[in-house]
Protein backbone atom coordinates (compact mmCIF):
# COMPACT_ATOMS: atom_id res chain seq x y z
CA MET A 1 -0.27 0.33 0.04
CA ASN A 2 1.17 3.45 -0.86
CA LYS A 3 2.21 5.94 1.71
CA ILE A 4 0.12 8.53 -0.27
CA TRP A 5 -2.84 6.98 1.09
CA PHE A 6 -1.90 8.23 4.65
CA LYS A 7 -0.28 11.85 3.60
CA GLY A 8 -2.55 14.14 5.48
CA VAL A 9 -4.88 11.98 7.36
CA GLU A 10 -5.35 12.03 10.90
CA PRO A 11 -3.75 9.01 12.79
CA ASP A 12 -7.24 8.07 13.95
CA TYR A 13 -8.41 7.11 10.32
CA VAL A 14 -5.30 5.30 9.01
CA LYS A 15 -6.35 1.82 10.86
CA GLU A 16 -9.76 2.58 8.88
CA ILE A 17 -8.12 3.18 5.42
CA ARG A 18 -5.95 0.14 5.80
CA GLY A 19 -8.97 -2.43 6.59
CA ASP A 20 -10.64 -0.64 3.59
CA TYR A 21 -7.92 -0.93 1.14
CA ALA A 22 -7.29 -4.77 2.21
CA SER A 23 -10.95 -5.43 2.50
CA SER A 24 -11.31 -4.19 -1.37
CA LEU A 25 -9.11 -6.19 -3.42
CA VAL A 26 -11.47 -7.71 -5.36
CA THR A 27 -12.61 -4.28 -6.58
CA ARG A 28 -9.23 -2.98 -6.90
CA LYS A 29 -8.15 -5.73 -9.01
CA ARG A 30 -10.97 -5.30 -11.06
CA LEU A 31 -10.53 -1.34 -11.69
CA THR A 32 -6.91 -2.14 -12.46
CA GLN A 33 -7.90 -4.35 -15.32
CA ILE A 34 -10.24 -1.75 -16.93
CA LEU A 35 -7.27 0.97 -16.75
CA GLU A 36 -5.28 -1.45 -18.11
CA GLU A 37 -7.56 -2.24 -20.78
CA LYS A 38 -7.97 1.91 -21.31
CA LYS A 39 -4.03 2.24 -21.63
CA LYS A 40 -4.26 -0.62 -24.18
CA VAL A 41 -7.16 1.24 -26.31
CA ASN A 42 -5.19 4.50 -25.99
CA ALA A 43 -1.88 3.13 -27.26
CA THR A 44 -3.32 1.92 -29.90
CA GLY A 45 -5.38 4.68 -31.15
CA ALA A 46 -2.18 6.58 -30.47
CA LEU A 47 -0.06 4.65 -33.21
CA SER A 48 -2.90 5.43 -35.85
CA LYS A 49 -1.33 6.14 -38.94
CA ASP A 50 -4.48 8.76 -39.25
CA ASN A 51 -2.92 11.18 -36.91
CA TYR A 52 -0.36 12.17 -38.80
CA ALA A 53 -2.71 13.91 -40.86
CA SER A 54 -3.54 16.41 -37.75
CA PRO A 55 -1.89 19.37 -37.78
CA ASN A 56 -1.88 19.08 -33.78
CA LEU A 57 0.25 15.94 -33.98
CA SER A 58 2.44 17.03 -30.91
CA MET A 59 -0.74 18.19 -28.89
CA LEU A 60 -2.35 14.60 -29.44
CA GLN A 61 0.80 12.76 -28.49
CA ALA A 62 1.20 14.68 -26.02
CA ASP A 63 -2.03 14.06 -24.42
CA ASN A 64 -1.90 10.28 -25.09
CA ILE A 65 1.24 10.08 -22.96
CA GLY A 66 -0.19 12.32 -20.00
CA TYR A 67 -3.25 9.90 -20.16
CA GLN A 68 -1.04 6.99 -20.23
CA ARG A 69 1.02 8.40 -17.36
CA ALA A 70 -1.92 9.53 -14.97
CA LEU A 71 -3.73 6.10 -15.62
CA GLU A 72 -0.17 4.46 -14.48
CA GLU A 73 -0.29 6.69 -11.42
CA ILE A 74 -3.79 5.24 -10.31
CA ILE A 75 -2.96 1.86 -11.15
CA LYS A 76 0.25 1.98 -8.76
CA LEU A 77 -2.21 3.50 -6.05
CA LEU A 78 -4.36 0.73 -6.60
CA GLU A 79 -1.79 -2.10 -5.82
């Protein structure tokens, strides 16, 4: 469990957060699967040749990279 879960949290709630986190294993695994699928779909779309016709290719690529990075960060929080 990532320590970020406890940042800014009152000590009284740490035990409760740990318990909720542990009991949500099935939900966290499913959510991770959903996010991994979204990463795959985004990566496939980013490689499309149609994107090269766009005058905003650099912005599209930057957006795709940012989206991938955000999904990866959320996945790490769920692990």
